[in-house]
Amino acid sequence: MRAKTTALSRRNLLLGTAALGATGSAAALLFSQSTKAATVGGIKNPLAIPPLEEGRMDAGTRIFNLDIQDGVSEFVAGLKTPTKGINGAFLGPVMRFGAQENVRLNVTNSLREKTTLHWHGFHLPAHADGGPHQVIDPGTTWSPEFKIRQKASTMWYHSHLMGKTAEQVWAGIAGMIIVEDEEAKALDLPSTYGVDDIPIALQDRTILTDGTMPYAPTMHDNMMGMTGNIPMANGTIGAVFDVTTTLVRLRLLNGANGSIYTIGFSDGRSFRKIASDGGLLAQPVEMQVMALAPGERAEIVVDMSDGENTTLTHFVRLSQTELSPEFAFLELRPSQNLTPSNPLPAKLASLAPAVAAQAVNTRRFVLDMRGMMMMGRFTINDVQMDMNVINEAVPVNTTEIWELENRSRMSHPFHVHNTQFRILDRDGRPVGPEEQGLKDTILLRPGERARILTRFEDYTDPNLPYMYHCHILEHEDAGMMGQFTVV
């Protein structure tokens, strides 16, 4: 990869009282919208590390208390931005679960509107899923309880309120979860929270000069997905992290509404991908760039032993061989005396091969967009989401192939609740080692077909469904979602 300076014009983005005074009305953009910011006016702020919440043990159950609340954030010095968060003003704590533990999550809704909280990526009973059917009314507490059946992985949680998911996630109702197990601990990977093991929620927002961060999608936003012109890492603009070890592990979450990021580093250095949505890969995979769609996670390890600063960056592709920086998310600044890290092991996890012949049934899902922007319809199998319609009934303990086809002219990340699937192929071709791990979200490019191997175990419920949907949140809210029961 050769990262080059973009040929697109980029105005220098200014901050400070003089710049704010010159922008005019309160409805003006704080930063230039002419292009998205590769750098935001040279701003540098220490990366916010979310508080680590490990709950409390009571009679063998790990209990967490979460309060969804209104807040005020200061993303830009001197500007007060109304936001929503969990146990704080914007976003939520990182919760740490242990594999095979029982957890109870006491979720209180302190908002003046309904909400939900979905445990994205988890295998759990339908009544605990936190999807559109588990609505939390204002002033009430919802307390789902379930067993952690995942291996070590990076998960997340977010609002999933029917028709309002995009608006509530935009405001800040989301957070990350780390699942640990003994097998992963034995690998001696970087694992000291906030030191060499760093959770990073990647998002983008638009802030106005009056400090507001309104959710006011245009017709274009509804069609393409809501995007902002300001990159954020854990809610930090111009984030900087001081590295103290030769290797640093970044747990990356694309928590954006509609942006698909192409992630790499400003100096073109390679990194090693060690995990996808559902946990560790079989072995580290060396990469220079990778796509990360809304809802997807990836764990990467970066070697900082050369002592040089580098910046985690979203690139746009100018051609097959040229990339241009568009968003600068996080600058890594190594200290002069780095503590040596353990080398990465050659083998990370034992993953059984994904074999299509294991499947006893095939289901087909076609994602499409019909009509012009104002009258556009977002559909799966030519129907839109209806809370009163169960689209599929899937037998428990049955391995199936789900054939996915994107007939539209834009990309869609397809997410399935209650499972970690395996990708068999894309357009009939096997996927690379970086996509051979456990997944709950798959990015489908325009016109692309993919096959995934699914299996639902342990839990059945003929009445309460799980969701499958596009994880561009505006598309989900507009109907690109369906329901299935496990029976």
Protein backbone atom coordinates (compact mmCIF):
# COMPACT_ATOMS: atom_id res chain seq x y z
CA MET A 1 0.00 0.00 0.00
CA ARG A 2 1.25 3.48 -0.81
CA ALA A 3 -0.64 6.02 1.22
CA LYS A 4 -0.62 9.30 -0.67
CA THR A 5 -1.94 12.76 0.06
CA THR A 6 -5.31 13.22 -1.52
CA ALA A 7 -5.65 15.32 -4.63
CA LEU A 8 -9.02 16.55 -3.36
CA SER A 9 -8.97 20.08 -1.98
CA ARG A 10 -8.95 20.21 1.81
CA ARG A 11 -9.43 23.47 3.63
CA ASN A 12 -7.55 23.90 6.86
CA LEU A 13 -10.04 23.27 9.66
CA LEU A 14 -9.98 25.86 12.40
CA LEU A 15 -10.98 25.93 16.02
CA GLY A 16 -11.10 28.62 18.66
CA THR A 17 -13.32 31.60 19.41
CA ALA A 18 -12.29 33.54 16.32
CA ALA A 19 -13.13 30.64 14.05
CA LEU A 20 -16.42 30.05 15.84
CA GLY A 21 -17.35 33.68 15.58
CA ALA A 22 -16.68 33.69 11.86
CA THR A 23 -18.92 30.75 11.06
CA GLY A 24 -22.12 32.72 11.39
CA SER A 25 -25.40 31.12 12.45
CA ALA A 26 -25.78 28.46 15.09
CA ALA A 27 -26.84 26.03 12.37
CA ALA A 28 -23.45 26.24 10.66
CA LEU A 29 -21.08 23.30 10.65
CA LEU A 30 -18.25 23.49 13.13
CA PHE A 31 -15.89 21.90 10.61
CA SER A 32 -15.82 22.13 6.83
CA GLN A 33 -18.12 19.63 5.12
CA SER A 34 -16.40 20.10 1.74
CA THR A 35 -14.51 16.90 2.46
CA LYS A 36 -14.18 14.69 5.48
CA ALA A 37 -11.24 15.59 7.64
CA ALA A 38 -7.99 13.66 7.28
CA THR A 39 -6.89 15.75 10.23
CA VAL A 40 -9.17 17.94 12.28
CA GLY A 41 -7.37 21.25 12.47
CA GLY A 42 -4.34 19.71 14.13
CA ILE A 43 -6.35 18.92 17.28
CA LYS A 44 -4.70 16.40 19.60
CA ASN A 45 -6.43 14.94 22.63
CA PRO A 46 -5.54 11.96 24.81
CA LEU A 47 -7.56 8.93 23.76
CA ALA A 48 -10.46 8.38 26.15
CA ILE A 49 -10.23 4.85 27.54
CA PRO A 50 -13.70 3.72 28.64
CA PRO A 51 -13.94 2.61 32.26
CA LEU A 52 -13.59 -1.15 32.66
CA GLU A 53 -16.63 -2.62 34.39
CA GLU A 54 -16.25 -6.13 35.81
CA GLY A 55 -19.50 -6.25 37.78
CA ARG A 56 -19.92 -8.00 41.11
CA MET A 57 -20.39 -11.68 41.87
CA ASP A 58 -23.52 -12.77 43.72
CA ALA A 59 -24.38 -16.47 44.15
CA GLY A 60 -22.41 -17.44 41.05
CA THR A 61 -23.80 -14.69 38.80
CA ARG A 62 -21.82 -11.68 37.64
CA ILE A 63 -24.09 -8.64 37.95
CA PHE A 64 -23.77 -5.35 36.08
CA ASN A 65 -25.77 -2.17 36.59
CA LEU A 66 -26.25 -0.02 33.51
CA ASP A 67 -28.06 3.33 33.39
CA ILE A 68 -29.03 4.71 29.98
CA GLN A 69 -29.08 8.46 30.44
CA ASP A 70 -28.99 11.88 28.86
CA GLY A 71 -25.70 13.69 29.14
CA VAL A 72 -23.59 16.59 27.99
CA SER A 73 -20.21 16.00 26.31
CA GLU A 74 -17.39 18.36 25.46
CA PHE A 75 -15.96 16.86 22.27
CA VAL A 76 -14.55 20.28 21.41
CA ALA A 77 -13.12 22.50 24.14
CA GLY A 78 -15.70 25.06 25.20
CA LEU A 79 -18.64 23.49 23.37
CA LYS A 80 -21.35 21.61 25.25
CA THR A 81 -22.94 18.84 23.17
CA PRO A 82 -26.15 17.10 24.31
CA THR A 83 -25.58 13.33 24.08
CA LYS A 84 -26.77 10.02 25.48
CA GLY A 85 -24.69 7.36 27.16
CA ILE A 86 -24.62 4.38 29.51
CA ASN A 87 -23.27 5.15 33.01
CA GLY A 88 -21.89 8.34 31.51
CA ALA A 89 -22.50 11.14 29.05
CA PHE A 90 -21.51 9.38 25.78
CA LEU A 91 -21.10 5.68 25.02
CA GLY A 92 -20.76 3.17 27.85
CA PRO A 93 -18.20 1.29 29.89
CA VAL A 94 -16.32 -1.72 28.56
CA MET A 95 -17.75 -4.72 30.35
CA ARG A 96 -15.59 -7.78 30.92
CA PHE A 97 -17.28 -11.19 30.92
CA GLY A 98 -15.76 -14.59 31.60
CA ALA A 99 -16.58 -17.52 29.33
CA GLN A 100 -19.14 -19.89 30.86
CA GLU A 101 -20.13 -17.34 33.50
CA ASN A 102 -23.72 -16.39 34.18
CA VAL A 103 -24.34 -12.66 33.87
CA ARG A 104 -27.24 -10.44 34.85
CA LEU A 105 -27.49 -6.98 33.34
CA ASN A 106 -29.72 -4.55 35.20
CA VAL A 107 -30.49 -1.96 32.52
CA THR A 108 -32.31 1.16 33.75
CA ASN A 109 -33.81 3.58 31.25
CA SER A 110 -33.40 7.10 32.65
CA LEU A 111 -34.31 8.70 29.31
CA ARG A 112 -37.64 10.33 28.52
CA GLU A 113 -38.16 7.90 25.64
CA LYS A 114 -38.23 4.16 25.10
CA THR A 115 -35.05 2.31 24.27
CA THR A 116 -33.53 -1.17 24.15
CA LEU A 117 -30.04 -2.60 24.66
CA HIS A 118 -28.94 -5.42 22.34
CA TRP A 119 -25.99 -7.69 23.14
CA HIS A 120 -24.47 -7.82 19.66
CA GLY A 121 -22.75 -11.08 18.74
CA PHE A 122 -23.91 -13.15 21.70
CA HIS A 123 -25.52 -16.59 21.67
CA LEU A 124 -28.37 -16.20 24.16
CA PRO A 125 -32.11 -16.76 24.70
CA ALA A 126 -34.43 -14.68 22.53
CA HIS A 127 -36.00 -13.01 25.58
CA ALA A 128 -32.55 -11.69 26.60
CA ASP A 129 -31.44 -10.52 23.12
CA GLY A 130 -32.35 -6.86 23.60
CA GLY A 131 -33.79 -6.46 20.13
CA PRO A 132 -36.93 -4.55 19.12
CA HIS A 133 -39.16 -6.83 21.21
CA GLN A 134 -37.42 -6.12 24.53
CA VAL A 135 -38.42 -2.46 24.89
CA ILE A 136 -37.42 -0.67 28.11
CA ASP A 137 -39.91 2.04 29.05
CA PRO A 138 -38.70 5.28 30.69
CA GLY A 139 -38.12 4.86 34.40
CA THR A 140 -38.04 1.06 34.30
CA THR A 141 -35.31 -1.56 34.62
CA TRP A 142 -34.84 -4.64 32.42
CA SER A 143 -32.70 -7.45 33.87
CA PRO A 144 -31.80 -10.12 31.32
CA GLU A 145 -29.71 -13.04 32.56
CA PHE A 146 -27.80 -15.53 30.41
CA LYS A 147 -24.74 -17.75 30.23
CA ILE A 148 -21.68 -16.60 28.29
CA ARG A 149 -21.20 -19.29 25.65
CA GLN A 150 -18.62 -17.36 23.62
CA LYS A 151 -14.91 -17.90 23.58
CA ALA A 152 -12.55 -14.95 24.05
CA SER A 153 -13.75 -12.14 21.80
CA THR A 154 -14.64 -8.48 21.42
CA MET A 155 -18.40 -7.87 21.42
CA TRP A 156 -20.53 -4.78 21.82
CA TYR A 157 -23.95 -3.53 22.88
CA HIS A 158 -26.21 -0.84 21.46
CA SER A 159 -29.74 0.44 21.13
CA HIS A 160 -31.98 -1.63 18.84
CA LEU A 161 -35.30 0.23 19.14
CA MET A 162 -37.55 -0.29 16.13
CA GLY A 163 -37.35 2.76 13.88
CA LYS A 164 -35.06 4.67 16.28
CA THR A 165 -31.88 2.57 16.36
CA ALA A 166 -29.93 4.96 14.16
CA GLU A 167 -30.89 8.07 16.11
CA GLN A 168 -30.11 6.54 19.51
CA VAL A 169 -26.76 5.04 18.48
CA TRP A 170 -25.82 8.38 16.89
CA ALA A 171 -26.52 10.04 20.25
CA GLY A 172 -24.21 7.57 22.04
CA ILE A 173 -26.14 4.50 23.23
CA ALA A 174 -23.42 1.90 22.60
CA GLY A 175 -20.48 0.26 24.33
CA MET A 176 -18.00 -2.60 24.07
CA ILE A 177 -17.64 -5.97 25.80
CA ILE A 178 -14.52 -8.12 26.27
CA VAL A 179 -15.02 -11.86 26.76
CA GLU A 180 -12.10 -13.74 28.29
CA ASP A 181 -11.31 -17.46 28.55
CA GLU A 182 -8.41 -19.52 29.86
CA GLU A 183 -7.23 -20.66 26.42
CA ALA A 184 -6.73 -17.10 25.24
CA LYS A 185 -5.05 -16.09 28.49
CA ALA A 186 -2.48 -18.87 27.99
CA LEU A 187 -1.35 -17.28 24.69
CA ASP A 188 0.24 -14.31 26.50
CA LEU A 189 -1.21 -11.81 24.04
CA PRO A 190 -1.12 -8.13 24.97
CA SER A 191 -3.86 -8.02 27.60
CA THR A 192 -3.28 -5.21 30.10
CA TYR A 193 -6.37 -3.04 29.73
CA GLY A 194 -5.59 0.53 28.79
CA VAL A 195 -1.85 -0.17 28.45
CA ASP A 196 -1.27 -2.63 25.61
CA ASP A 197 -4.88 -3.83 25.12
CA ILE A 198 -7.00 -0.93 23.92
CA PRO A 199 -10.70 -0.89 22.97
CA ILE A 200 -11.44 1.58 20.18
CA ALA A 201 -14.93 2.44 18.98
CA LEU A 202 -14.58 4.09 15.57
CA GLN A 203 -17.35 6.55 14.67
CA ASP A 204 -17.96 9.76 12.78
CA ARG A 205 -20.23 12.66 13.71
CA THR A 206 -21.18 16.18 12.62
CA ILE A 207 -21.18 18.94 15.24
CA LEU A 208 -22.66 22.40 14.75
CA THR A 209 -21.23 25.66 16.05
CA ASP A 210 -23.82 25.75 18.82
CA GLY A 211 -22.41 22.44 20.06
CA THR A 212 -25.34 20.29 18.99
CA MET A 213 -24.83 16.97 17.21
CA PRO A 214 -28.30 16.64 15.70
CA TYR A 215 -29.64 13.52 14.09
CA ALA A 216 -31.25 15.13 11.06
CA PRO A 217 -30.74 12.79 8.11
CA THR A 218 -31.32 14.08 4.63
CA MET A 219 -32.80 11.95 1.85
CA HIS A 220 -29.21 11.16 0.87
CA ASP A 221 -28.40 10.11 4.44
CA ASN A 222 -31.42 7.84 4.57
CA MET A 223 -30.38 6.23 1.30
CA MET A 224 -26.64 5.91 1.95
CA GLY A 225 -26.48 5.82 5.74
CA MET A 226 -25.85 8.75 8.07
CA THR A 227 -22.22 9.91 8.12
CA GLY A 228 -20.40 12.78 9.75
CA ASN A 229 -17.31 14.75 8.86
CA ILE A 230 -15.54 14.40 12.21
CA PRO A 231 -13.74 11.14 13.11
CA MET A 232 -13.93 9.95 16.69
CA ALA A 233 -12.16 7.19 18.60
CA ASN A 234 -14.03 6.41 21.83
CA GLY A 235 -15.67 9.81 21.43
CA THR A 236 -12.28 11.56 21.18
CA ILE A 237 -11.52 13.94 18.32
CA GLY A 238 -7.85 14.01 17.28
CA ALA A 239 -7.11 11.08 19.58
CA VAL A 240 -3.53 10.33 20.65
CA PHE A 241 -2.31 7.31 22.61
CA ASP A 242 1.12 7.06 24.22
CA VAL A 243 2.42 3.54 23.61
CA THR A 244 4.71 2.02 26.25
CA THR A 245 5.15 -1.53 24.87
CA THR A 246 6.65 -2.86 21.64
CA LEU A 247 3.35 -4.49 20.67
CA VAL A 248 -0.08 -2.95 21.15
CA ARG A 249 -3.39 -4.72 20.66
CA LEU A 250 -6.24 -2.63 19.26
CA ARG A 251 -9.78 -3.98 19.63
CA LEU A 252 -11.52 -2.15 16.79
CA LEU A 253 -15.27 -1.71 16.56
CA ASN A 254 -16.98 0.05 13.68
CA GLY A 255 -19.72 1.72 15.71
CA ALA A 256 -20.71 4.13 12.94
CA ASN A 257 -24.21 4.44 11.56
CA GLY A 258 -23.36 4.17 7.89
CA SER A 259 -19.61 4.44 7.24
CA ILE A 260 -17.61 1.50 5.93
CA TYR A 261 -13.99 2.11 6.90
CA THR A 262 -10.87 0.97 5.07
CA ILE A 263 -8.43 0.77 7.96
CA GLY A 264 -4.66 1.01 7.76
CA PHE A 265 -1.78 3.12 9.05
CA SER A 266 -0.55 6.46 7.76
CA ASP A 267 2.98 5.19 7.09
CA GLY A 268 1.80 2.03 5.31
CA ARG A 269 3.11 -0.28 8.04
CA SER A 270 1.57 -3.72 8.27
CA PHE A 271 -0.30 -5.09 11.24
CA ARG A 272 -1.40 -8.56 12.25
CA LYS A 273 -5.08 -9.34 12.52
CA ILE A 274 -5.65 -11.82 15.33
CA ALA A 275 -9.45 -11.90 15.74
CA SER A 276 -12.70 -11.21 13.93
CA ASP A 277 -16.22 -10.66 15.29
CA GLY A 278 -16.54 -13.88 17.29
CA GLY A 279 -13.00 -14.46 18.49
CA LEU A 280 -9.46 -15.45 17.63
CA LEU A 281 -8.40 -16.53 14.15
CA ALA A 282 -6.47 -19.75 13.65
CA GLN A 283 -3.26 -17.78 13.22
CA PRO A 284 -2.21 -14.12 12.91
CA VAL A 285 -2.76 -12.68 9.43
CA GLU A 286 -0.44 -9.93 8.23
CA MET A 287 -2.28 -7.09 6.49
CA GLN A 288 -1.82 -3.48 5.45
CA VAL A 289 -5.45 -2.48 5.00
CA MET A 290 -8.78 -4.07 5.86
CA ALA A 291 -12.44 -3.18 5.44
CA LEU A 292 -14.49 -2.76 8.60
CA ALA A 293 -18.23 -2.28 8.15
CA PRO A 294 -20.75 -1.06 10.74
CA GLY A 295 -21.18 -3.74 13.40
CA GLU A 296 -17.92 -5.56 12.61
CA ARG A 297 -15.02 -5.95 15.02
CA ALA A 298 -11.39 -6.83 14.45
CA GLU A 299 -8.49 -7.23 16.84
CA ILE A 300 -5.12 -6.21 15.45
CA VAL A 301 -1.62 -6.15 16.89
CA VAL A 302 0.73 -3.34 15.85
CA ASP A 303 4.50 -3.47 16.20
CA MET A 304 5.78 -0.13 17.53
CA SER A 305 9.37 -1.22 18.17
CA ASP A 306 10.70 1.13 15.46
CA GLY A 307 9.87 4.06 17.75
CA GLU A 308 8.05 5.98 15.00
CA ASN A 309 4.67 7.65 15.35
CA THR A 310 1.89 6.32 13.15
CA THR A 311 -1.80 7.05 12.75
CA LEU A 312 -4.73 4.64 12.49
CA THR A 313 -6.44 5.94 9.36
CA HIS A 314 -9.47 5.39 7.17
CA PHE A 315 -8.49 5.50 3.50
CA VAL A 316 -10.45 5.95 0.31
CA ARG A 317 -9.37 4.02 -2.75
CA LEU A 318 -8.28 6.12 -5.72
CA SER A 319 -7.39 3.08 -7.80
CA GLN A 320 -6.48 -0.56 -7.32
CA THR A 321 -3.04 0.45 -6.07
CA GLU A 322 -3.50 3.92 -4.56
CA LEU A 323 -5.15 4.88 -1.30
CA SER A 324 -5.81 8.35 0.04
CA PRO A 325 -6.20 9.20 3.75
CA GLU A 326 -9.65 10.47 4.68
CA PHE A 327 -10.11 10.06 8.44
CA ALA A 328 -7.30 10.14 11.02
CA PHE A 329 -8.72 8.25 13.99
CA LEU A 330 -5.83 7.69 16.38
CA GLU A 331 -2.16 8.63 16.53
CA LEU A 332 0.10 6.11 18.25
CA ARG A 333 3.15 7.74 19.88
CA PRO A 334 5.74 5.29 21.25
CA SER A 335 7.79 6.28 24.26
CA GLN A 336 11.58 6.29 24.10
CA ASN A 337 11.97 3.18 26.23
CA LEU A 338 9.39 0.58 25.23
CA THR A 339 8.76 -2.46 27.39
CA PRO A 340 9.39 -5.62 25.31
CA SER A 341 6.23 -7.61 24.55
CA ASN A 342 5.96 -11.36 24.18
CA PRO A 343 6.11 -12.46 20.53
CA LEU A 344 2.80 -13.42 18.96
CA PRO A 345 2.27 -17.18 18.84
CA ALA A 346 2.11 -18.82 15.42
CA LYS A 347 -1.18 -20.51 16.35
CA LEU A 348 -4.02 -18.74 18.09
CA ALA A 349 -7.11 -20.96 18.07
CA SER A 350 -8.36 -24.32 16.87
CA LEU A 351 -11.15 -23.69 14.38
CA ALA A 352 -12.92 -26.60 12.76
CA PRO A 353 -13.07 -26.23 8.98
CA ALA A 354 -16.28 -24.77 7.57
CA VAL A 355 -17.65 -27.53 5.36
CA ALA A 356 -20.71 -26.91 3.20
CA ALA A 357 -21.56 -30.62 3.21
CA GLN A 358 -22.43 -30.33 6.91
CA ALA A 359 -25.55 -28.33 6.01
CA VAL A 360 -28.90 -30.07 5.67
CA ASN A 361 -30.83 -27.04 4.43
CA THR A 362 -30.27 -23.85 2.44
CA ARG A 363 -32.06 -20.51 2.87
CA ARG A 364 -31.78 -17.56 0.53
CA PHE A 365 -31.75 -13.88 1.48
CA VAL A 366 -31.76 -11.14 -1.16
CA LEU A 367 -31.01 -7.57 -0.09
CA ASP A 368 -32.37 -4.90 -2.41
CA MET A 369 -33.25 -1.24 -2.67
CA ARG A 370 -36.07 -0.17 -4.94
CA GLY A 371 -37.21 3.23 -6.15
CA MET A 372 -35.76 6.72 -6.02
CA MET A 373 -34.36 8.38 -2.89
CA MET A 374 -37.66 9.86 -1.69
CA MET A 375 -39.65 6.68 -2.28
CA GLY A 376 -36.92 4.10 -1.78
CA ARG A 377 -37.76 0.71 -0.27
CA PHE A 378 -35.17 -1.34 1.64
CA THR A 379 -36.08 -5.01 1.53
CA ILE A 380 -34.89 -8.53 2.29
CA ASN A 381 -36.51 -11.13 0.06
CA ASP A 382 -38.69 -8.32 -1.34
CA VAL A 383 -40.39 -7.58 1.99
CA GLN A 384 -39.81 -4.96 4.65
CA MET A 385 -39.60 -5.52 8.38
CA ASP A 386 -42.94 -6.13 10.07
CA MET A 387 -42.90 -6.69 13.84
CA ASN A 388 -45.95 -8.92 13.50
CA VAL A 389 -44.45 -11.25 10.88
CA ILE A 390 -41.99 -14.08 11.55
CA ASN A 391 -40.10 -14.47 8.28
CA GLU A 392 -38.23 -17.70 9.03
CA ALA A 393 -38.48 -20.60 11.49
CA VAL A 394 -35.12 -22.33 11.92
CA PRO A 395 -34.83 -25.81 13.50
CA VAL A 396 -32.56 -25.98 16.54
CA ASN A 397 -29.30 -27.95 16.31
CA THR A 398 -29.42 -27.86 12.51
CA THR A 399 -26.56 -26.70 10.31
CA GLU A 400 -27.73 -24.58 7.39
CA ILE A 401 -26.29 -22.60 4.50
CA TRP A 402 -27.64 -19.09 4.21
CA GLU A 403 -27.12 -17.76 0.69
CA LEU A 404 -26.86 -13.98 0.69
CA GLU A 405 -27.20 -11.81 -2.39
CA ASN A 406 -26.87 -8.04 -2.61
CA ARG A 407 -28.85 -6.89 -5.64
CA SER A 408 -28.51 -3.21 -4.82
CA ARG A 409 -25.93 -0.70 -6.00
CA MET A 410 -24.41 -0.10 -2.59
CA SER A 411 -22.78 -2.23 0.09
CA HIS A 412 -24.71 -3.76 2.98
CA PRO A 413 -23.25 -5.37 6.15
CA PHE A 414 -25.57 -8.29 6.94
CA HIS A 415 -25.84 -9.17 10.64
CA VAL A 416 -27.44 -12.27 12.17
CA HIS A 417 -28.42 -12.37 15.85
CA ASN A 418 -27.72 -15.30 18.20
CA THR A 419 -24.94 -16.94 16.21
CA GLN A 420 -21.35 -16.81 15.07
CA PHE A 421 -21.31 -18.09 11.52
CA ARG A 422 -18.53 -19.05 9.14
CA ILE A 423 -18.12 -17.63 5.63
CA LEU A 424 -17.95 -20.40 3.02
CA ASP A 425 -17.30 -18.30 -0.08
CA ARG A 426 -17.86 -15.05 -1.92
CA ASP A 427 -19.07 -15.25 -5.53
CA GLY A 428 -18.04 -18.90 -5.46
CA ARG A 429 -14.47 -18.19 -4.33
CA PRO A 430 -13.05 -19.19 -0.93
CA VAL A 431 -12.32 -16.31 1.41
CA GLY A 432 -8.86 -15.44 2.69
CA PRO A 433 -7.56 -16.43 6.14
CA GLU A 434 -8.60 -13.04 7.57
CA GLU A 435 -12.27 -14.01 6.99
CA GLN A 436 -12.13 -17.64 8.03
CA GLY A 437 -12.90 -17.01 11.69
CA LEU A 438 -16.16 -16.59 13.58
CA LYS A 439 -18.42 -13.85 12.27
CA ASP A 440 -21.80 -12.31 13.00
CA THR A 441 -21.66 -9.58 10.35
CA ILE A 442 -20.59 -9.92 6.71
CA LEU A 443 -20.07 -7.03 4.29
CA LEU A 444 -21.76 -7.63 0.93
CA ARG A 445 -20.51 -5.45 -1.90
CA PRO A 446 -22.89 -4.38 -4.72
CA GLY A 447 -23.94 -7.41 -6.75
CA GLU A 448 -22.02 -9.80 -4.51
CA ARG A 449 -23.18 -13.22 -3.37
CA ALA A 450 -21.88 -15.05 -0.33
CA ARG A 451 -22.64 -18.25 1.51
CA ILE A 452 -22.43 -18.56 5.28
CA LEU A 453 -22.67 -21.66 7.47
CA THR A 454 -25.06 -21.16 10.40
CA ARG A 455 -26.18 -23.22 13.36
CA PHE A 456 -28.46 -22.32 16.28
CA GLU A 457 -28.15 -24.35 19.47
CA ASP A 458 -29.34 -24.46 23.09
CA TYR A 459 -32.31 -22.09 22.95
CA THR A 460 -35.74 -22.36 21.35
CA ASP A 461 -38.74 -20.06 21.45
CA PRO A 462 -41.64 -20.39 18.99
CA ASN A 463 -42.89 -16.87 19.71
CA LEU A 464 -39.97 -14.54 20.41
CA PRO A 465 -37.76 -13.93 17.37
CA TYR A 466 -34.21 -12.88 16.64
CA MET A 467 -33.26 -10.42 13.87
CA TYR A 468 -31.25 -10.48 10.69
CA HIS A 469 -30.65 -7.14 9.06
CA CYS A 470 -28.40 -4.67 7.32
CA HIS A 471 -26.22 -2.95 9.93
CA ILE A 472 -26.28 0.38 8.16
CA LEU A 473 -28.65 1.67 10.79
CA GLU A 474 -30.71 3.89 8.50
CA HIS A 475 -31.35 0.88 6.26
CA GLU A 476 -32.34 -1.25 9.26
CA ASP A 477 -34.76 1.42 10.48
CA ALA A 478 -36.20 1.74 6.95
CA GLY A 479 -37.11 -1.93 6.74
CA MET A 480 -34.03 -3.94 5.67
CA MET A 481 -34.55 -6.38 8.51
CA GLY A 482 -36.34 -9.68 9.09
CA GLN A 483 -37.23 -11.96 11.99
CA PHE A 484 -36.60 -15.63 12.68
CA THR A 485 -37.46 -18.01 15.49
CA VAL A 486 -35.48 -21.03 16.57
CA VAL A 487 -37.84 -23.96 17.10
